Amino acid sequence: MFHRVAVTLATAGAATLLGLATAAQPAQAAPGAPQPVFYTGADLTGAQTVVDTDDTSCHNLGEAALSAVNWSDVDVYAYYNADCQSGLPGQSGDTYFVLGSLHSARFAAPVLSYRVVRNG
């Protein structure tokens, strides 16, 4: 009887710990190396666009992003205009958002394009 209860408690405890560990992990769009991810909704919700950290060219997003997470070792410059043009939405200027390595963001305005910038 003791052995059966101990095994049951150990199994339940392991399942609880596994559930807690799974719940504590940030949402990852793709397995493998951590990658930056843009989300169409606020607070990391909605459709995802996974960023290729090896491609440093400018990319227009298929859908505007309202939030993002970056667990990689690169920075991502996010622009409120298409074609990585700085400025507030629909305006020229020097405004853009730097999504630093190991950060998340909720954007003040929809992001339309981005560029990966390697550190160092």
C-alpha atoms as a PDB file:
ATOM      1  CA  MET A   1       0.000   0.000   0.000  1.00  0.00           C
ATOM      2  CA  PHE A   2       2.772   2.461   0.946  1.00  0.00           C
ATOM      3  CA  HIS A   3       4.623   1.789  -2.315  1.00  0.00           C
ATOM      4  CA  ARG A   4       1.499   2.421  -4.436  1.00  0.00           C
ATOM      5  CA  VAL A   5       0.714   5.698  -2.604  1.00  0.00           C
ATOM      6  CA  ALA A   6       4.327   6.902  -2.921  1.00  0.00           C
ATOM      7  CA  VAL A   7       4.357   6.168  -6.666  1.00  0.00           C
ATOM      8  CA  THR A   8       1.003   7.940  -7.108  1.00  0.00           C
ATOM      9  CA  LEU A   9       2.206  10.994  -5.177  1.00  0.00           C
ATOM     10  CA  ALA A  10       5.499  11.068  -7.052  1.00  0.00           C
ATOM     11  CA  THR A  11       3.694  10.850 -10.404  1.00  0.00           C
ATOM     12  CA  ALA A  12       1.249  13.601  -9.424  1.00  0.00           C
ATOM     13  CA  GLY A  13       4.118  15.777  -8.175  1.00  0.00           C
ATOM     14  CA  ALA A  14       6.090  15.288 -11.385  1.00  0.00           C
ATOM     15  CA  ALA A  15       3.029  16.139 -13.481  1.00  0.00           C
ATOM     16  CA  THR A  16       2.457  19.289 -11.420  1.00  0.00           C
ATOM     17  CA  LEU A  17       6.080  20.371 -11.785  1.00  0.00           C
ATOM     18  CA  LEU A  18       5.992  19.663 -15.512  1.00  0.00           C
ATOM     19  CA  GLY A  19       2.828  21.756 -15.800  1.00  0.00           C
ATOM     20  CA  LEU A  20       4.427  24.626 -13.884  1.00  0.00           C
ATOM     21  CA  ALA A  21       7.594  24.457 -15.957  1.00  0.00           C
ATOM     22  CA  THR A  22       5.563  24.463 -19.170  1.00  0.00           C
ATOM     23  CA  ALA A  23       3.415  27.390 -18.019  1.00  0.00           C
ATOM     24  CA  ALA A  24       6.485  29.426 -17.058  1.00  0.00           C
ATOM     25  CA  GLN A  25       8.072  29.182 -20.509  1.00  0.00           C
ATOM     26  CA  PRO A  26       7.572  32.029 -23.002  1.00  0.00           C
ATOM     27  CA  ALA A  27       5.684  31.170 -26.174  1.00  0.00           C
ATOM     28  CA  GLN A  28       8.101  30.008 -28.839  1.00  0.00           C
ATOM     29  CA  ALA A  29       6.962  30.122 -32.462  1.00  0.00           C
ATOM     30  CA  ALA A  30       9.566  27.658 -33.685  1.00  0.00           C
ATOM     31  CA  PRO A  31      11.718  24.999 -32.036  1.00  0.00           C
ATOM     32  CA  GLY A  32      15.487  25.369 -31.885  1.00  0.00           C
ATOM     33  CA  ALA A  33      17.382  28.594 -31.389  1.00  0.00           C
ATOM     34  CA  PRO A  34      15.425  31.475 -29.842  1.00  0.00           C
ATOM     35  CA  GLN A  35      14.103  33.884 -32.451  1.00  0.00           C
ATOM     36  CA  PRO A  36      12.378  37.254 -32.351  1.00  0.00           C
ATOM     37  CA  VAL A  37       8.638  37.047 -33.017  1.00  0.00           C
ATOM     38  CA  PHE A  38       6.179  39.798 -33.987  1.00  0.00           C
ATOM     39  CA  TYR A  39       2.503  39.435 -33.000  1.00  0.00           C
ATOM     40  CA  THR A  40      -0.535  41.068 -34.625  1.00  0.00           C
ATOM     41  CA  GLY A  41      -2.209  41.527 -31.232  1.00  0.00           C
ATOM     42  CA  ALA A  42      -1.188  43.337 -28.085  1.00  0.00           C
ATOM     43  CA  ASP A  43       0.530  41.426 -25.298  1.00  0.00           C
ATOM     44  CA  LEU A  44       2.053  38.739 -27.547  1.00  0.00           C
ATOM     45  CA  THR A  45      -1.249  37.521 -28.983  1.00  0.00           C
ATOM     46  CA  GLY A  46      -2.555  36.975 -32.493  1.00  0.00           C
ATOM     47  CA  ALA A  47      -0.795  35.800 -35.627  1.00  0.00           C
ATOM     48  CA  GLN A  48       2.981  35.430 -35.432  1.00  0.00           C
ATOM     49  CA  THR A  49       5.804  36.428 -37.743  1.00  0.00           C
ATOM     50  CA  VAL A  50       9.075  34.707 -36.853  1.00  0.00           C
ATOM     51  CA  VAL A  51      12.216  36.705 -37.651  1.00  0.00           C
ATOM     52  CA  ASP A  52      15.197  35.069 -39.359  1.00  0.00           C
ATOM     53  CA  THR A  53      18.138  36.431 -37.342  1.00  0.00           C
ATOM     54  CA  ASP A  54      20.588  35.666 -40.167  1.00  0.00           C
ATOM     55  CA  ASP A  55      18.830  38.012 -42.614  1.00  0.00           C
ATOM     56  CA  THR A  56      19.710  41.665 -41.949  1.00  0.00           C
ATOM     57  CA  SER A  57      17.777  43.113 -44.894  1.00  0.00           C
ATOM     58  CA  CYS A  58      14.603  45.154 -44.482  1.00  0.00           C
ATOM     59  CA  HIS A  59      11.336  43.198 -44.284  1.00  0.00           C
ATOM     60  CA  ASN A  60       7.769  44.452 -44.547  1.00  0.00           C
ATOM     61  CA  LEU A  61       5.370  42.555 -42.295  1.00  0.00           C
ATOM     62  CA  GLY A  62       2.390  40.856 -43.932  1.00  0.00           C
ATOM     63  CA  GLU A  63       0.210  42.202 -41.097  1.00  0.00           C
ATOM     64  CA  ALA A  64       0.974  45.096 -38.765  1.00  0.00           C
ATOM     65  CA  ALA A  65       2.440  44.074 -35.402  1.00  0.00           C
ATOM     66  CA  LEU A  66       1.271  45.430 -32.062  1.00  0.00           C
ATOM     67  CA  SER A  67       3.746  43.497 -29.886  1.00  0.00           C
ATOM     68  CA  ALA A  68       6.910  41.404 -30.087  1.00  0.00           C
ATOM     69  CA  VAL A  69       9.349  39.305 -28.090  1.00  0.00           C
ATOM     70  CA  ASN A  70      13.068  38.872 -28.700  1.00  0.00           C
ATOM     71  CA  TRP A  71      14.865  36.046 -26.865  1.00  0.00           C
ATOM     72  CA  SER A  72      17.751  36.038 -29.369  1.00  0.00           C
ATOM     73  CA  ASP A  73      21.202  37.632 -29.286  1.00  0.00           C
ATOM     74  CA  VAL A  74      20.398  40.303 -31.928  1.00  0.00           C
ATOM     75  CA  ASP A  75      18.507  43.583 -31.827  1.00  0.00           C
ATOM     76  CA  VAL A  76      15.518  44.171 -34.098  1.00  0.00           C
ATOM     77  CA  TYR A  77      14.775  47.669 -35.352  1.00  0.00           C
ATOM     78  CA  ALA A  78      11.004  48.004 -35.785  1.00  0.00           C
ATOM     79  CA  TYR A  79       9.548  50.730 -38.004  1.00  0.00           C
ATOM     80  CA  TYR A  80       6.086  52.299 -38.017  1.00  0.00           C
ATOM     81  CA  ASN A  81       6.296  52.712 -41.813  1.00  0.00           C
ATOM     82  CA  ALA A  82       6.897  50.262 -44.654  1.00  0.00           C
ATOM     83  CA  ASP A  83      10.351  49.678 -46.147  1.00  0.00           C
ATOM     84  CA  CYS A  84      12.146  50.440 -42.845  1.00  0.00           C
ATOM     85  CA  GLN A  85      11.475  54.156 -43.177  1.00  0.00           C
ATOM     86  CA  SER A  86      11.864  55.885 -39.832  1.00  0.00           C
ATOM     87  CA  GLY A  87       9.256  58.293 -38.522  1.00  0.00           C
ATOM     88  CA  LEU A  88       5.865  58.149 -36.898  1.00  0.00           C
ATOM     89  CA  PRO A  89       3.123  56.385 -38.891  1.00  0.00           C
ATOM     90  CA  GLY A  90       2.726  58.059 -42.274  1.00  0.00           C
ATOM     91  CA  GLN A  91       5.375  60.682 -41.472  1.00  0.00           C
ATOM     92  CA  SER A  92       9.090  61.080 -42.038  1.00  0.00           C
ATOM     93  CA  GLY A  93      11.450  61.567 -39.118  1.00  0.00           C
ATOM     94  CA  ASP A  94      13.932  59.668 -37.006  1.00  0.00           C
ATOM     95  CA  THR A  95      11.508  57.601 -34.885  1.00  0.00           C
ATOM     96  CA  TYR A  96      11.762  53.808 -34.756  1.00  0.00           C
ATOM     97  CA  PHE A  97      11.709  51.181 -32.016  1.00  0.00           C
ATOM     98  CA  VAL A  98      14.711  49.105 -30.927  1.00  0.00           C
ATOM     99  CA  LEU A  99      13.604  45.696 -29.670  1.00  0.00           C
ATOM    100  CA  GLY A 100      16.711  44.715 -27.757  1.00  0.00           C
ATOM    101  CA  SER A 101      17.978  41.237 -27.116  1.00  0.00           C
ATOM    102  CA  LEU A 102      16.044  39.479 -24.328  1.00  0.00           C
ATOM    103  CA  HIS A 103      13.166  41.987 -24.338  1.00  0.00           C
ATOM    104  CA  SER A 104       9.499  42.144 -25.212  1.00  0.00           C
ATOM    105  CA  ALA A 105       7.461  45.136 -26.354  1.00  0.00           C
ATOM    106  CA  ARG A 106       3.977  46.472 -26.822  1.00  0.00           C
ATOM    107  CA  PHE A 107       4.218  49.067 -29.579  1.00  0.00           C
ATOM    108  CA  ALA A 108       2.676  52.552 -29.327  1.00  0.00           C
ATOM    109  CA  ALA A 109       1.592  52.282 -32.979  1.00  0.00           C
ATOM    110  CA  PRO A 110       1.430  49.368 -35.430  1.00  0.00           C
ATOM    111  CA  VAL A 111       4.827  48.246 -36.718  1.00  0.00           C
ATOM    112  CA  LEU A 112       4.970  47.677 -40.478  1.00  0.00           C
ATOM    113  CA  SER A 113       8.591  46.698 -41.145  1.00  0.00           C
ATOM    114  CA  TYR A 114      11.787  45.585 -39.413  1.00  0.00           C
ATOM    115  CA  ARG A 115      15.516  44.951 -39.766  1.00  0.00           C
ATOM    116  CA  VAL A 116      17.811  42.654 -37.758  1.00  0.00           C
ATOM    117  CA  VAL A 117      20.905  44.364 -36.348  1.00  0.00           C
ATOM    118  CA  ARG A 118      23.796  42.242 -35.052  1.00  0.00           C
ATOM    119  CA  ASN A 119      25.526  43.354 -31.876  1.00  0.00           C
ATOM    120  CA  GLY A 120      29.291  43.585 -32.053  1.00  0.00           C
END
